[in-house]
């Protein structure tokens, strides 16, 4: 299953990818979640999801409706406007709480701490939309996705696209995700 979680207040790449996948894939399930307007509180780092209510945040919010999709999706795609080389606040809160889908403890693999995942996720993708991205911001975003992918031990891809993207850009992104 492909799960697209999008901050679509100011951008539409998430909706465009969803429409592309729905039109191309008859056998693969595709889910779209608009993060705009959801009430998702920040992760407080209390570790309650690790030691008290394993896999479930002790602070109840709209993340409860997203966690089942994160558990079932093999490809998770986050789309967001570029903000300081990263995701928007609403997507960042979801990414932070994605630790709910991780193993309780870290392992050491290839010289890095790796948490791994208890979900079906094999790929994580971040797509940021921006018309005024510096090279440092682009690298920061791509490195952010690399680190997230390394920590949860899945394939990863970070891309920055212009807000004037075309349907051919959407197809190119979808093919890049498929080839991961």
Protein backbone atom coordinates (compact mmCIF):
# COMPACT_ATOMS: atom_id res chain seq x y z
CA UNK A 1 0.00 0.00 0.00
CA UNK A 2 1.21 3.52 -0.83
CA UNK A 3 0.35 6.11 1.83
CA UNK A 4 0.65 9.80 0.92
CA UNK A 5 0.55 12.21 3.85
CA UNK A 6 0.39 15.78 2.63
CA UNK A 7 0.43 19.28 4.05
CA UNK A 8 -1.74 20.56 1.24
CA UNK A 9 -2.49 24.07 2.54
CA UNK A 10 0.00 25.63 0.14
CA UNK A 11 0.99 22.83 -2.22
CA UNK A 12 -0.66 20.13 -4.28
CA UNK A 13 2.13 17.69 -5.16
CA UNK A 14 0.62 15.18 -2.71
CA UNK A 15 -2.78 15.30 -4.41
CA UNK A 16 -1.15 15.09 -7.83
CA UNK A 17 0.84 12.00 -6.81
CA UNK A 18 -2.31 10.44 -5.36
CA UNK A 19 -4.22 11.00 -8.60
CA UNK A 20 -1.29 9.62 -10.60
CA UNK A 21 -1.08 6.44 -8.51
CA UNK A 22 -4.87 5.96 -8.51
CA UNK A 23 -4.89 6.22 -12.31
CA UNK A 24 -1.92 3.90 -12.86
CA UNK A 25 -2.29 1.22 -10.23
CA UNK A 26 -5.33 -1.01 -10.18
CA UNK A 27 -3.82 -3.67 -7.91
CA UNK A 28 -1.97 -1.47 -5.40
CA UNK A 29 -3.98 0.33 -2.74
CA UNK A 30 -3.27 4.06 -2.39
CA UNK A 31 -4.30 6.17 0.61
CA UNK A 32 -4.21 9.96 0.91
CA UNK A 33 -4.18 11.86 4.20
CA UNK A 34 -4.40 15.62 4.37
CA UNK A 35 -2.39 16.65 7.42
CA UNK A 36 -3.70 20.21 7.20
CA UNK A 37 -6.11 20.85 10.02
CA UNK A 38 -5.36 17.65 11.94
CA UNK A 39 -4.83 18.01 15.68
CA UNK A 40 -1.49 16.29 16.19
CA UNK A 41 0.43 17.28 19.25
CA UNK A 42 4.23 17.29 19.28
CA UNK A 43 6.17 14.26 20.50
CA UNK A 44 7.24 15.12 24.03
CA UNK A 45 9.94 12.44 24.14
CA UNK A 46 8.34 10.90 27.25
CA UNK A 47 8.98 7.35 25.94
CA UNK A 48 5.49 6.32 27.02
CA UNK A 49 5.01 4.68 23.61
CA UNK A 50 8.10 2.56 24.30
CA UNK A 51 7.60 1.53 27.92
CA UNK A 52 3.97 2.20 28.91
CA UNK A 53 1.71 1.70 25.90
CA UNK A 54 4.06 0.12 23.36
CA UNK A 55 3.28 1.42 19.88
CA UNK A 56 0.64 3.86 21.09
CA UNK A 57 1.14 7.47 22.17
CA UNK A 58 -0.05 8.25 25.68
CA UNK A 59 -1.25 11.65 24.44
CA UNK A 60 -4.39 11.02 22.38
CA UNK A 61 -4.83 13.07 19.19
CA UNK A 62 -5.52 12.66 15.47
CA UNK A 63 -2.32 10.63 15.06
CA UNK A 64 -4.46 7.66 16.16
CA UNK A 65 -6.08 7.65 12.71
CA UNK A 66 -2.72 7.79 10.88
CA UNK A 67 -0.79 5.09 12.77
CA UNK A 68 -2.75 2.17 11.20
CA UNK A 69 -1.86 3.50 7.73
CA UNK A 70 1.81 3.84 8.73
CA UNK A 71 1.73 0.24 9.98
CA UNK A 72 0.18 -1.15 6.78
CA UNK A 73 1.86 1.01 4.13
CA UNK A 74 4.97 -0.31 2.46
CA UNK A 75 5.70 3.08 0.86
CA UNK A 76 5.15 6.21 2.93
CA UNK A 77 5.34 9.53 1.07
CA UNK A 78 5.33 12.84 2.94
CA UNK A 79 4.76 16.02 0.94
CA UNK A 80 5.16 19.49 2.34
CA UNK A 81 6.22 23.02 1.56
CA UNK A 82 9.95 23.45 2.24
CA UNK A 83 10.47 25.13 5.62
CA UNK A 84 14.05 25.91 6.67
CA UNK A 85 15.38 22.87 4.81
CA UNK A 86 12.78 20.53 6.27
CA UNK A 87 9.08 19.69 6.52
CA UNK A 88 6.25 21.99 7.59
CA UNK A 89 5.28 21.84 11.28
CA UNK A 90 2.26 19.57 10.77
CA UNK A 91 4.28 17.01 8.77
CA UNK A 92 7.20 17.26 11.21
CA UNK A 93 4.90 16.30 14.11
CA UNK A 94 3.75 13.21 12.19
CA UNK A 95 7.32 12.23 11.29
CA UNK A 96 8.36 12.65 14.94
CA UNK A 97 5.51 10.46 16.14
CA UNK A 98 6.35 7.85 13.49
CA UNK A 99 8.58 6.39 16.21
CA UNK A 100 5.39 4.65 17.32
CA UNK A 101 6.03 2.21 14.47
CA UNK A 102 9.57 1.43 15.60
CA UNK A 103 11.13 -1.29 17.69
CA UNK A 104 11.58 -0.49 21.36
CA UNK A 105 15.35 -0.51 21.32
CA UNK A 106 18.12 0.60 19.01
CA UNK A 107 20.67 -1.71 17.36
CA UNK A 108 24.09 -0.95 16.00
CA UNK A 109 24.31 -1.51 12.22
CA UNK A 110 27.00 -0.32 9.79
CA UNK A 111 28.38 2.11 12.34
CA UNK A 112 25.00 3.73 13.10
CA UNK A 113 22.23 3.41 15.65
CA UNK A 114 19.21 1.84 13.97
CA UNK A 115 15.75 1.57 15.47
CA UNK A 116 14.06 -0.44 12.74
CA UNK A 117 10.33 -0.69 12.26
CA UNK A 118 7.55 -3.08 13.28
CA UNK A 119 5.47 -1.87 10.34
CA UNK A 120 5.38 -3.11 6.74
CA UNK A 121 7.26 0.02 5.61
CA UNK A 122 10.10 -0.58 3.16
CA UNK A 123 10.39 2.94 1.69
CA UNK A 124 10.08 6.46 3.07
CA UNK A 125 9.93 9.43 0.74
CA UNK A 126 9.88 13.15 1.42
CA UNK A 127 8.94 15.66 -1.24
CA UNK A 128 9.28 19.36 -0.45
CA UNK A 129 7.88 22.05 -2.66
CA UNK A 130 9.77 25.32 -2.98
CA UNK A 131 10.59 27.89 -5.63
CA UNK A 132 13.41 29.55 -3.67
CA UNK A 133 15.53 26.69 -2.38
CA UNK A 134 19.22 27.18 -1.80
CA UNK A 135 21.64 24.34 -2.42
CA UNK A 136 22.16 24.03 1.35
CA UNK A 137 18.41 23.72 1.98
CA UNK A 138 18.10 21.03 -0.70
CA UNK A 139 21.03 19.09 0.77
CA UNK A 140 19.60 19.51 4.27
CA UNK A 141 16.26 18.06 3.15
CA UNK A 142 17.86 15.13 1.33
CA UNK A 143 20.08 14.41 4.36
CA UNK A 144 17.05 14.57 6.65
CA UNK A 145 15.39 11.80 4.64
CA UNK A 146 18.62 9.82 4.54
CA UNK A 147 18.90 9.92 8.35
CA UNK A 148 15.24 9.01 8.87
CA UNK A 149 15.66 6.11 6.44
CA UNK A 150 18.84 4.96 8.19
CA UNK A 151 17.29 5.12 11.66
CA UNK A 152 14.23 3.07 10.69
CA UNK A 153 16.31 0.90 8.34
CA UNK A 154 14.30 1.41 5.14
CA UNK A 155 15.04 2.75 1.65
CA UNK A 156 14.70 6.52 1.46
CA UNK A 157 14.39 9.39 -0.98
CA UNK A 158 14.27 13.15 -0.47
CA UNK A 159 13.39 15.49 -3.33
CA UNK A 160 12.68 19.20 -3.69
CA UNK A 161 10.36 20.25 -6.51
CA UNK A 162 9.26 23.64 -7.82
CA UNK A 163 5.65 24.64 -7.25
CA UNK A 164 5.27 24.96 -11.01
CA UNK A 165 5.76 21.21 -11.51
CA UNK A 166 4.16 19.49 -14.51
CA UNK A 167 2.47 16.11 -14.85
CA UNK A 168 5.72 14.77 -16.31
CA UNK A 169 7.45 15.75 -13.04
CA UNK A 170 4.85 13.80 -11.07
CA UNK A 171 5.40 10.75 -13.28
CA UNK A 172 9.18 11.10 -12.91
CA UNK A 173 8.83 11.24 -9.09
CA UNK A 174 6.55 8.19 -9.07
CA UNK A 175 9.04 6.23 -11.19
CA UNK A 176 11.89 7.27 -8.89
CA UNK A 177 9.92 5.98 -5.89
CA UNK A 178 9.18 2.70 -7.68
CA UNK A 179 12.87 2.19 -8.46
CA UNK A 180 13.98 2.59 -4.83
